[in-house]
Amino acid sequence: MYGEDELASGGGARAEASLGLRCMARRVVLYLVLTLLVLTYIVPFLWMLSSSLKTDPQIDTIPPIWIPRPMRWENYPEALKYMPWGTYLFNTVVRYTVPSVIGKVVSAAIVAYGFARIPWRGRETVFFLCIATMMIPGAVTMIPMFVVYRKLGWLNTYLPMVVPAWFGSAYNIFMLRQFLRTIPEELSDAARIDGCSELGILARVIGPLMKPGLAVVALFAFVGCWSDYMGPLIYINASRDFPIALALESMAQTLGAHGALKNTMPYMMAISTLVVMPVLVLFFLAQRTFIEGIAITGLKG
C-alpha cells in the first residue's frame, strides 16, 4: 500500500520536473528568438551611430570598425553647416507634421466614435467600405491624386499632404473603433440622459478615456510624417520648402556632385542620427501609453 503511494508520488515529482524543464527550454528558445529579432533592428542603428563618429579612413576600413578611435564628434556641427537645417526643421514640424498629426487624431476620433457609438442605418456597410480602402495600394492612386492637386493649384505646397489628414485614415479609424468598443456604453447613455450632445460626450466623457488610443494614432502619424519621403518628392519642388527626409537626399547629391568632401558618409550618418533621435525620444516618453493603447485595441472585436 505504502509502496504504491511512494511510487505514485515519485512519478508525479518526475512528471513535474520534466514539465518544468520543457517550460524552461521553451522560455530559453523564446528569449533567443526575441534577442535575434532585437539585434536585427538595433544593429543598423548602432552602425549608423558608429559611422557618424568615424574619420574618413575608418569608414573604408575592412573589417569594419564598430567603436571609432578616436571618436570624431566634430562631424555633427560640420554636417549641420552644409544645409539650412533650421528651415528644413521648420518645414517638417510646423508646415507638415503638426497639422497632419492634429488632423489625423481629430478626424479618426470623430469618425470612429460615429461607427462605434451612434446607431444608424447602413453603419456596418459603410464601415466595411472604409476598411476596404486599405486594400488599395498607394501607387494606384498616386497619379490620379497628382492630377487633382495640380488642377487645384496645390503643387509645391504642403496642402496635398496635410488636407487629406483631416479626412480620416481607415487604419486609424479601425483602431480607435476597436478601442471605443472596450469602453462601457453606460457612460454614453448617462451623458445623453443629462442632455449632453454626441460631440459633447466625445469631448468630455469618452475623449479622456481614449488617451491611450489617441496616443497610438498620434505616434504613428508623427513617425509617418517625420520620415515621409515619397509625398514631398512628388509635390515639393523648391529646395527651400523641403522637409528633412528630402533634404537628406539633397545633401548627399549636393556634396557628391560638387566634390565638397572626399567621403560624405560620416556627415550623412550624423544628420541621420539627429533625425532619428526625436522619434526615439518620443517613443520612450510615451512608451507606456503606446503599449497600453496597442493592447486594448485588440481586446474586443
Protein backbone atom coordinates (compact mmCIF):
# COMPACT_ATOMS: atom_id res chain seq x y z
CA MET A 1 0.00 0.00 0.00
CA TYR A 2 2.67 2.46 1.08
CA GLY A 3 4.95 1.35 -1.70
CA GLU A 4 2.35 2.22 -4.29
CA ASP A 5 1.85 5.67 -2.77
CA GLU A 6 5.58 6.30 -2.79
CA LEU A 7 5.83 5.20 -6.44
CA ALA A 8 2.92 7.46 -7.37
CA SER A 9 4.41 10.45 -5.56
CA GLY A 10 7.81 9.78 -7.15
CA GLY A 11 6.25 9.56 -10.60
CA GLY A 12 4.38 12.81 -10.02
CA ALA A 13 7.57 14.55 -8.97
CA ARG A 14 9.39 13.32 -12.05
CA ALA A 15 6.48 14.49 -14.27
CA GLU A 16 6.55 17.93 -12.66
CA ALA A 17 10.32 18.13 -13.10
CA SER A 18 10.02 17.11 -16.75
CA LEU A 19 7.28 19.68 -17.31
CA GLY A 20 9.41 22.37 -15.65
CA LEU A 21 12.37 21.52 -17.88
CA ARG A 22 10.19 21.73 -21.00
CA CYS A 23 8.81 25.10 -19.92
CA MET A 24 12.32 26.38 -19.24
CA ALA A 25 13.52 25.12 -22.62
CA ARG A 26 10.64 26.86 -24.40
CA ARG A 27 11.38 30.06 -22.50
CA VAL A 28 15.07 29.91 -23.42
CA VAL A 29 14.21 29.39 -27.09
CA LEU A 30 11.72 32.26 -26.94
CA TYR A 31 14.27 34.62 -25.42
CA LEU A 32 16.87 33.62 -28.01
CA VAL A 33 14.43 34.35 -30.84
CA LEU A 34 13.48 37.70 -29.29
CA THR A 35 17.16 38.56 -28.84
CA LEU A 36 17.86 37.83 -32.51
CA LEU A 37 14.90 39.99 -33.55
CA VAL A 38 16.08 42.84 -31.33
CA LEU A 39 19.57 42.62 -32.81
CA THR A 40 18.08 42.70 -36.29
CA TYR A 41 16.51 46.07 -35.54
CA ILE A 42 19.17 47.61 -33.34
CA VAL A 43 22.33 46.71 -35.29
CA PRO A 44 21.59 49.14 -38.20
CA PHE A 45 21.02 51.95 -35.70
CA LEU A 46 24.26 51.14 -33.86
CA TRP A 47 26.13 51.07 -37.18
CA MET A 48 24.68 54.47 -38.09
CA LEU A 49 25.70 55.89 -34.73
CA SER A 50 29.18 54.39 -35.04
CA SER A 51 29.66 55.69 -38.59
CA SER A 52 28.63 59.20 -37.54
CA LEU A 53 31.68 59.37 -35.26
CA LYS A 54 34.27 57.98 -37.69
CA THR A 55 37.00 59.63 -39.70
CA ASP A 56 37.36 59.07 -43.44
CA PRO A 57 39.93 56.24 -43.13
CA GLN A 58 37.80 54.45 -40.54
CA ILE A 59 34.80 54.42 -42.87
CA ASP A 60 36.66 52.41 -45.50
CA THR A 61 38.40 50.05 -43.10
CA ILE A 62 37.86 46.30 -43.61
CA PRO A 63 36.92 44.55 -41.38
CA PRO A 64 34.56 47.29 -40.20
CA ILE A 65 35.27 49.24 -37.03
CA TRP A 66 32.37 49.32 -34.58
CA ILE A 67 33.94 51.58 -31.94
CA PRO A 68 35.72 54.53 -33.57
CA ARG A 69 39.05 55.53 -32.04
CA PRO A 70 39.25 58.42 -31.83
CA MET A 71 35.59 59.46 -31.94
CA ARG A 72 35.18 62.49 -34.16
CA TRP A 73 32.34 64.50 -32.58
CA GLU A 74 33.08 67.37 -34.96
CA ASN A 75 31.12 65.52 -37.66
CA TYR A 76 27.86 66.76 -36.17
CA PRO A 77 28.44 70.55 -36.19
CA GLU A 78 30.28 70.33 -39.51
CA ALA A 79 27.41 68.40 -41.12
CA LEU A 80 24.87 70.96 -39.90
CA LYS A 81 26.63 73.87 -41.63
CA TYR A 82 26.29 72.47 -45.15
CA MET A 83 22.49 72.89 -45.37
CA PRO A 84 19.89 75.25 -43.81
CA TRP A 85 18.59 72.61 -41.41
CA GLY A 86 16.66 75.15 -39.37
CA THR A 87 14.46 75.87 -42.40
CA TYR A 88 14.00 72.17 -43.11
CA LEU A 89 13.09 71.54 -39.47
CA PHE A 90 10.50 74.32 -39.61
CA ASN A 91 9.02 72.86 -42.78
CA THR A 92 8.86 69.38 -41.29
CA VAL A 93 7.42 70.30 -37.91
CA VAL A 94 5.28 73.41 -38.39
CA ARG A 95 4.14 73.09 -42.00
CA TYR A 96 3.71 69.33 -42.21
CA THR A 97 3.91 67.19 -39.06
CA VAL A 98 1.92 69.21 -36.51
CA PRO A 99 -1.15 69.99 -38.69
CA SER A 100 -1.16 66.44 -40.09
CA VAL A 101 -0.97 64.80 -36.67
CA ILE A 102 -3.75 67.01 -35.30
CA GLY A 103 -5.89 66.30 -38.36
CA LYS A 104 -5.41 62.54 -38.19
CA VAL A 105 -6.18 62.37 -34.47
CA VAL A 106 -9.28 64.58 -34.62
CA SER A 107 -10.76 63.06 -37.77
CA ALA A 108 -10.11 59.47 -36.68
CA ALA A 109 -11.64 60.09 -33.25
CA ILE A 110 -14.82 61.63 -34.67
CA VAL A 111 -15.36 59.01 -37.37
CA ALA A 112 -14.53 56.10 -35.06
CA TYR A 113 -17.00 57.42 -32.49
CA GLY A 114 -19.69 57.55 -35.14
CA PHE A 115 -19.00 53.93 -36.13
CA ALA A 116 -18.74 52.63 -32.56
CA ARG A 117 -21.35 54.57 -30.54
CA ILE A 118 -24.01 56.06 -32.81
CA PRO A 119 -26.50 53.58 -34.35
CA TRP A 120 -27.58 54.49 -37.89
CA ARG A 121 -28.78 52.61 -40.93
CA GLY A 122 -26.00 51.21 -43.11
CA ARG A 123 -23.32 51.77 -40.49
CA GLU A 124 -21.69 48.35 -40.88
CA THR A 125 -21.76 48.59 -44.69
CA VAL A 126 -20.07 51.99 -44.68
CA PHE A 127 -17.54 50.74 -42.15
CA PHE A 128 -16.77 47.77 -44.38
CA LEU A 129 -16.23 50.10 -47.35
CA CYS A 130 -13.98 52.28 -45.20
CA ILE A 131 -11.84 49.32 -44.19
CA ALA A 132 -11.78 48.04 -47.78
CA THR A 133 -9.93 51.19 -48.86
CA MET A 134 -6.85 49.81 -47.07
CA MET A 135 -6.65 47.18 -49.82
CA ILE A 136 -5.99 49.85 -52.46
CA PRO A 137 -2.22 50.32 -52.99
CA GLY A 138 -0.95 53.88 -52.78
CA ALA A 139 0.75 53.52 -56.17
CA VAL A 140 -2.68 53.10 -57.81
CA THR A 141 -3.98 56.48 -56.60
CA MET A 142 -0.69 58.35 -56.90
CA ILE A 143 -1.15 59.67 -60.46
CA PRO A 144 -4.89 60.49 -60.19
CA MET A 145 -4.29 62.42 -56.97
CA PHE A 146 -1.37 64.27 -58.52
CA VAL A 147 -3.61 65.36 -61.42
CA VAL A 148 -6.31 66.53 -59.00
CA TYR A 149 -3.89 68.54 -56.87
CA ARG A 150 -2.29 70.06 -59.96
CA LYS A 151 -5.68 71.30 -61.16
CA LEU A 152 -6.33 72.73 -57.71
CA GLY A 153 -3.01 74.60 -57.84
CA TRP A 154 -1.65 72.85 -54.75
CA LEU A 155 1.68 71.75 -56.19
CA ASN A 156 4.80 72.94 -54.37
CA THR A 157 2.77 73.31 -51.17
CA TYR A 158 2.08 71.03 -48.23
CA LEU A 159 -1.68 71.05 -48.85
CA PRO A 160 -1.71 67.71 -50.75
CA MET A 161 -0.21 66.04 -47.65
CA VAL A 162 -1.93 68.00 -44.87
CA VAL A 163 -5.52 68.33 -46.14
CA PRO A 164 -6.14 64.55 -46.60
CA ALA A 165 -5.07 64.02 -42.97
CA TRP A 166 -8.24 65.86 -41.88
CA PHE A 167 -10.50 63.37 -43.65
CA GLY A 168 -9.60 60.28 -41.67
CA SER A 169 -7.43 57.23 -42.21
CA ALA A 170 -9.01 53.79 -42.47
CA TYR A 171 -6.43 52.14 -40.25
CA ASN A 172 -6.68 54.80 -37.54
CA ILE A 173 -10.48 54.70 -37.67
CA PHE A 174 -10.49 50.92 -37.32
CA MET A 175 -8.05 51.02 -34.40
CA LEU A 176 -9.96 53.68 -32.48
CA ARG A 177 -13.29 51.94 -33.17
CA GLN A 178 -11.91 48.78 -31.57
CA PHE A 179 -10.68 50.86 -28.64
CA LEU A 180 -14.06 52.56 -28.19
CA ARG A 181 -15.80 49.22 -28.02
CA THR A 182 -13.87 48.43 -24.83
CA ILE A 183 -15.42 51.46 -23.07
CA PRO A 184 -18.78 50.73 -21.36
CA GLU A 185 -21.84 52.01 -23.22
CA GLU A 186 -23.43 53.09 -19.92
CA LEU A 187 -21.11 56.12 -19.76
CA SER A 188 -22.50 57.49 -23.03
CA ASP A 189 -26.10 56.65 -22.04
CA ALA A 190 -25.72 58.51 -18.74
CA ALA A 191 -24.36 61.57 -20.54
CA ARG A 192 -27.26 61.50 -23.04
CA ILE A 193 -29.75 61.40 -20.18
CA ASP A 194 -28.09 64.53 -18.77
CA GLY A 195 -28.68 66.24 -22.13
CA CYS A 196 -25.13 66.11 -23.49
CA SER A 197 -24.72 66.11 -27.27
CA GLU A 198 -22.73 63.46 -29.10
CA LEU A 199 -19.81 65.82 -29.66
CA GLY A 200 -20.01 66.78 -26.00
CA ILE A 201 -19.91 63.13 -24.99
CA LEU A 202 -16.89 62.56 -27.21
CA ALA A 203 -15.05 65.61 -25.89
CA ARG A 204 -15.93 65.40 -22.18
CA VAL A 205 -16.69 61.74 -21.39
CA ILE A 206 -15.16 59.42 -23.97
CA GLY A 207 -12.23 61.61 -25.04
CA PRO A 208 -10.32 61.45 -21.73
CA LEU A 209 -10.73 57.66 -21.72
CA MET A 210 -9.36 57.44 -25.27
CA LYS A 211 -5.94 58.87 -24.43
CA PRO A 212 -4.03 55.58 -24.95
CA GLY A 213 -5.68 55.02 -28.34
CA LEU A 214 -5.19 58.63 -29.39
CA ALA A 215 -1.54 58.42 -28.33
CA VAL A 216 -1.04 55.44 -30.64
CA VAL A 217 -2.64 57.30 -33.56
CA ALA A 218 -0.59 60.42 -32.84
CA LEU A 219 2.68 58.47 -32.61
CA PHE A 220 2.03 56.60 -35.85
CA ALA A 221 1.08 59.85 -37.57
CA PHE A 222 4.17 61.63 -36.25
CA VAL A 223 6.53 58.89 -37.44
CA GLY A 224 4.80 58.75 -40.82
CA CYS A 225 5.05 62.50 -41.40
CA TRP A 226 8.53 62.90 -39.92
CA SER A 227 10.01 60.22 -42.19
CA ASP A 228 7.80 60.79 -45.24
CA TYR A 229 9.87 60.89 -48.40
CA MET A 230 7.54 59.97 -51.25
CA GLY A 231 4.93 62.68 -50.63
CA PRO A 232 7.36 65.64 -50.60
CA LEU A 233 9.26 64.13 -53.52
CA ILE A 234 6.09 64.23 -55.64
CA TYR A 235 4.59 67.57 -54.58
CA ILE A 236 7.50 69.75 -53.38
CA ASN A 237 9.85 71.20 -56.00
CA ALA A 238 11.54 74.20 -54.36
CA SER A 239 14.53 73.23 -52.21
CA ARG A 240 13.66 75.88 -49.63
CA ASP A 241 10.40 74.01 -48.93
CA PHE A 242 11.99 70.57 -48.44
CA PRO A 243 11.29 68.59 -45.27
CA ILE A 244 14.13 66.81 -43.50
CA ALA A 245 13.66 63.47 -45.27
CA LEU A 246 14.02 65.07 -48.70
CA ALA A 247 16.81 67.36 -47.52
CA LEU A 248 18.92 64.34 -46.57
CA GLU A 249 18.95 63.12 -50.15
CA SER A 250 19.57 66.64 -51.40
CA MET A 251 22.59 66.91 -49.10
CA ALA A 252 24.04 63.64 -50.41
CA GLN A 253 23.59 64.73 -54.03
CA THR A 254 24.99 68.22 -53.41
CA LEU A 255 28.11 67.09 -51.60
CA GLY A 256 28.72 64.27 -54.06
CA ALA A 257 28.18 66.37 -57.20
CA HIS A 258 30.46 69.22 -56.18
CA GLY A 259 33.13 67.02 -54.62
CA ALA A 260 32.94 69.06 -51.44
CA LEU A 261 34.04 66.08 -49.37
CA LYS A 262 36.10 63.01 -50.07
CA ASN A 263 33.76 60.84 -48.02
CA THR A 264 30.27 62.08 -47.15
CA MET A 265 29.28 59.02 -45.11
CA PRO A 266 30.18 60.38 -41.62
CA TYR A 267 28.21 63.56 -42.23
CA MET A 268 25.23 61.70 -43.66
CA MET A 269 25.20 59.33 -40.70
CA ALA A 270 25.49 62.25 -38.27
CA ILE A 271 22.46 64.00 -39.74
CA SER A 272 20.55 60.71 -39.92
CA THR A 273 21.24 60.10 -36.24
CA LEU A 274 19.90 63.55 -35.34
CA VAL A 275 16.80 62.92 -37.46
CA VAL A 276 16.08 59.59 -35.76
CA MET A 277 16.55 60.90 -32.21
CA PRO A 278 13.21 62.78 -31.89
CA VAL A 279 11.28 59.63 -32.82
CA LEU A 280 13.19 57.54 -30.28
CA VAL A 281 12.77 60.13 -27.53
CA LEU A 282 9.04 60.46 -28.23
CA PHE A 283 8.56 56.69 -28.17
CA PHE A 284 10.37 56.26 -24.86
CA LEU A 285 8.43 59.13 -23.28
CA ALA A 286 5.09 57.70 -24.45
CA GLN A 287 6.06 54.02 -24.28
CA ARG A 288 3.67 53.05 -21.51
CA THR A 289 0.69 54.80 -23.05
CA PHE A 290 1.58 53.49 -26.51
CA ILE A 291 1.79 49.84 -25.40
CA GLU A 292 -1.42 50.17 -23.40
CA GLY A 293 -3.25 51.57 -26.42
CA ILE A 294 -1.98 48.81 -28.72
CA ALA A 295 -3.01 46.13 -26.21
CA ILE A 296 -6.51 47.48 -25.56
CA THR A 297 -7.43 47.94 -29.24
CA GLY A 298 -7.38 44.17 -29.72
CA LEU A 299 -9.44 43.17 -26.70
CA LYS A 300 -12.89 43.32 -28.28
CA GLY A 301 -13.98 42.53 -31.80
